[in-house]
């Protein structure tokens, strides 16, 4: 299973990080901070032995980036 993490523009400003799990979406005022939070979440998921995909969407709706974090060798042993 690949966990999906998205960074999208929030209505009214800011950026939202969403995860397909039971975690509530988180609002950030800075896109850089939202991307950092998404990256830290993806690394934690990979360290736990599962893959994660981050998708970053721009305000115009286009895809700015897509990143995959695979499980670490330590997590698989």
C-alpha atoms as a PDB file:
ATOM      1  CA  UNK A   1       0.000   0.000   0.000  1.00  0.00           C
ATOM      2  CA  UNK A   2       1.252   3.460  -0.895  1.00  0.00           C
ATOM      3  CA  UNK A   3       0.159   6.235   1.454  1.00  0.00           C
ATOM      4  CA  UNK A   4      -0.933   9.383  -0.370  1.00  0.00           C
ATOM      5  CA  UNK A   5       0.039  12.797   0.996  1.00  0.00           C
ATOM      6  CA  UNK A   6      -1.092  15.957  -0.767  1.00  0.00           C
ATOM      7  CA  UNK A   7      -0.060  19.589  -0.474  1.00  0.00           C
ATOM      8  CA  UNK A   8      -2.765  21.812  -1.955  1.00  0.00           C
ATOM      9  CA  UNK A   9      -3.777  25.473  -1.824  1.00  0.00           C
ATOM     10  CA  UNK A  10      -6.235  26.207   0.969  1.00  0.00           C
ATOM     11  CA  UNK A  11      -9.355  28.266   0.280  1.00  0.00           C
ATOM     12  CA  UNK A  12      -8.714  31.792   1.465  1.00  0.00           C
ATOM     13  CA  UNK A  13      -4.925  31.410   1.500  1.00  0.00           C
ATOM     14  CA  UNK A  14      -2.310  29.126   2.904  1.00  0.00           C
ATOM     15  CA  UNK A  15      -1.625  25.483   2.134  1.00  0.00           C
ATOM     16  CA  UNK A  16      -3.187  22.229   3.318  1.00  0.00           C
ATOM     17  CA  UNK A  17      -1.438  18.915   3.927  1.00  0.00           C
ATOM     18  CA  UNK A  18      -3.720  15.893   3.709  1.00  0.00           C
ATOM     19  CA  UNK A  19      -2.924  12.238   4.353  1.00  0.00           C
ATOM     20  CA  UNK A  20      -5.075   9.298   3.316  1.00  0.00           C
ATOM     21  CA  UNK A  21      -5.004   7.993   6.893  1.00  0.00           C
ATOM     22  CA  UNK A  22      -7.034   9.139   9.860  1.00  0.00           C
ATOM     23  CA  UNK A  23      -5.056  12.342  10.321  1.00  0.00           C
ATOM     24  CA  UNK A  24      -6.986  15.618  10.004  1.00  0.00           C
ATOM     25  CA  UNK A  25      -5.770  18.009   7.277  1.00  0.00           C
ATOM     26  CA  UNK A  26      -3.253  20.568   8.551  1.00  0.00           C
ATOM     27  CA  UNK A  27      -3.179  24.215   7.448  1.00  0.00           C
ATOM     28  CA  UNK A  28       0.092  26.089   6.888  1.00  0.00           C
ATOM     29  CA  UNK A  29       0.558  29.739   5.947  1.00  0.00           C
ATOM     30  CA  UNK A  30       3.770  28.938   4.069  1.00  0.00           C
ATOM     31  CA  UNK A  31       4.032  26.542   1.146  1.00  0.00           C
ATOM     32  CA  UNK A  32       7.582  25.673   2.200  1.00  0.00           C
ATOM     33  CA  UNK A  33       6.419  24.680   5.687  1.00  0.00           C
ATOM     34  CA  UNK A  34       3.610  22.575   4.213  1.00  0.00           C
ATOM     35  CA  UNK A  35       6.063  20.791   1.911  1.00  0.00           C
ATOM     36  CA  UNK A  36       8.446  20.198   4.831  1.00  0.00           C
ATOM     37  CA  UNK A  37       5.640  18.709   6.941  1.00  0.00           C
ATOM     38  CA  UNK A  38       4.601  16.443   4.057  1.00  0.00           C
ATOM     39  CA  UNK A  39       8.201  15.324   3.591  1.00  0.00           C
ATOM     40  CA  UNK A  40       8.627  14.554   7.310  1.00  0.00           C
ATOM     41  CA  UNK A  41       5.375  12.548   7.294  1.00  0.00           C
ATOM     42  CA  UNK A  42       6.492  10.580   4.225  1.00  0.00           C
ATOM     43  CA  UNK A  43       9.849   9.764   5.811  1.00  0.00           C
ATOM     44  CA  UNK A  44       8.121   8.585   9.013  1.00  0.00           C
ATOM     45  CA  UNK A  45       5.868   6.313   6.953  1.00  0.00           C
ATOM     46  CA  UNK A  46       8.880   4.940   5.052  1.00  0.00           C
ATOM     47  CA  UNK A  47      10.750   4.372   8.316  1.00  0.00           C
ATOM     48  CA  UNK A  48       7.734   2.323   9.474  1.00  0.00           C
ATOM     49  CA  UNK A  49       8.112   0.057   6.439  1.00  0.00           C
ATOM     50  CA  UNK A  50       5.573   1.432   3.960  1.00  0.00           C
ATOM     51  CA  UNK A  51       5.811   3.626   0.862  1.00  0.00           C
ATOM     52  CA  UNK A  52       4.460   7.166   0.646  1.00  0.00           C
ATOM     53  CA  UNK A  53       3.747   9.465  -2.292  1.00  0.00           C
ATOM     54  CA  UNK A  54       3.685  13.263  -1.987  1.00  0.00           C
ATOM     55  CA  UNK A  55       1.803  15.306  -4.598  1.00  0.00           C
ATOM     56  CA  UNK A  56       2.167  19.089  -4.604  1.00  0.00           C
ATOM     57  CA  UNK A  57      -0.470  21.089  -6.468  1.00  0.00           C
ATOM     58  CA  UNK A  58      -0.106  24.761  -7.447  1.00  0.00           C
ATOM     59  CA  UNK A  59      -2.824  27.389  -7.060  1.00  0.00           C
ATOM     60  CA  UNK A  60      -3.709  27.058 -10.760  1.00  0.00           C
ATOM     61  CA  UNK A  61      -4.407  23.338 -10.246  1.00  0.00           C
ATOM     62  CA  UNK A  62      -1.311  22.054 -12.035  1.00  0.00           C
ATOM     63  CA  UNK A  63       0.902  19.403 -10.490  1.00  0.00           C
ATOM     64  CA  UNK A  64       4.135  21.004  -9.267  1.00  0.00           C
ATOM     65  CA  UNK A  65       5.825  17.835  -8.089  1.00  0.00           C
ATOM     66  CA  UNK A  66       5.445  14.207  -7.166  1.00  0.00           C
ATOM     67  CA  UNK A  67       7.810  12.455  -4.790  1.00  0.00           C
ATOM     68  CA  UNK A  68       8.007   8.839  -3.641  1.00  0.00           C
ATOM     69  CA  UNK A  69       9.488   7.712  -0.316  1.00  0.00           C
ATOM     70  CA  UNK A  70      10.214   4.002  -0.197  1.00  0.00           C
ATOM     71  CA  UNK A  71      10.692   1.923   2.959  1.00  0.00           C
ATOM     72  CA  UNK A  72      14.168   2.016   4.408  1.00  0.00           C
ATOM     73  CA  UNK A  73      16.297  -1.096   4.611  1.00  0.00           C
ATOM     74  CA  UNK A  74      16.230  -0.800   8.430  1.00  0.00           C
ATOM     75  CA  UNK A  75      12.419  -0.847   8.479  1.00  0.00           C
ATOM     76  CA  UNK A  76      12.272  -3.979   6.317  1.00  0.00           C
ATOM     77  CA  UNK A  77      14.553  -6.053   8.567  1.00  0.00           C
END
